[in-house]
């Protein structure tokens, strides 16, 4: 047994994981070079080796739950690639206007059909709300309605949806509340789909392909779902200032974002390289600092357990959709998405990641009915 193999097997044992063991969360090693690769490249090497078929695991979600509970996810991020990445993160604004479009091209512009083949009918690529249901489609409708009720959207309200995705939330609010919605997005593919859907349904929705920093106008309610993770620490304050500038006095803002437990720069190196380039998970403390003096936090609601269920449902649907996608994407793409969805589910299950819905108002605003359900 090599030194690298002894170190890695010992670390895995701390999480109750055995190499080539009998449990569904044990890993099966196909290439013995895996140990030295993981020892050298940590999290990045582990993920890349899985994509290349160097190892397998029957239950990746449970494997990662155990790794996170043993805090081996923290150990796995202490690598040279991460240190280099953090150096450049501190030196440059990697989520500037120019660079932000690269995120859309690398992830969201993979093709609408790829995502919509396994998302729910409202095309929600964010945490659902499994209140009284185990069905993803119902849970996503519950999430949309939860946001509607927390914002207390009324007929005639002007609503801004920052990072509107494929337009599902914008369409839902316009249809069910009688409000007008402006959706903002930098992904050309997503914006085109959202615009076409709203036009076909005759909804009072305008989709604008624009950076959030360039938004103007005044709105009664502002919502941002699953977008703040792409803003970056250097731009947190700019984001809050943009929202504050566009929110009318007496209005309400809802922020829905994945968050880390501790303040840091960047995120997991593998996730950042293959899934969300430029991604940076904020902590609750970082969000609060960015909002300080601009907003009063009226309500904080942690939906993290619901994201575990959402990711598992997405994975099941992705697997079912794969036969229709395999002609366009290689097997390594399927393994990449399996790894992404299931590793994140395990991290949420271990409470290593959180999902916050925060309701905010400008100072001096009477408290809205912000806690619903």
Foldseek 3Di string as FASTA:
>chain_A
DDPLVVVVQVLLVLLVEHEVDDDQLHKDAQDPCLSVQCVAQQLQSVLVCLLVPRMDGNFLLQNLLSCVLSPVLVVSCPHPVNVVVQVVLVVDVCLDPVNVLVQLVQAVPPPPCLQVLQAAPLSDPAFFQQDVHLDRNVRNVVVLVLVCVLQVAAAAFEEEEEQCFLQSSVQVCQVPHNYAYEYEAQRPNSLVNNVVVCVVVVTNYHYDNDHLLPDAAAGQEYEYAAPVQQQFLVCLLSNLVSVLRRYDAQHKYKYKYKAFQDADGADRPNCCVRHGPNGGHGHPVSNCVSCPLRKDWQDKDKPLLSLLSVLVSSLVSSVVCVVVCCVPDPSSVNSSSVNVSSSSSSCSVSVRMIIIIIMIHGPPHPRDSNRDD
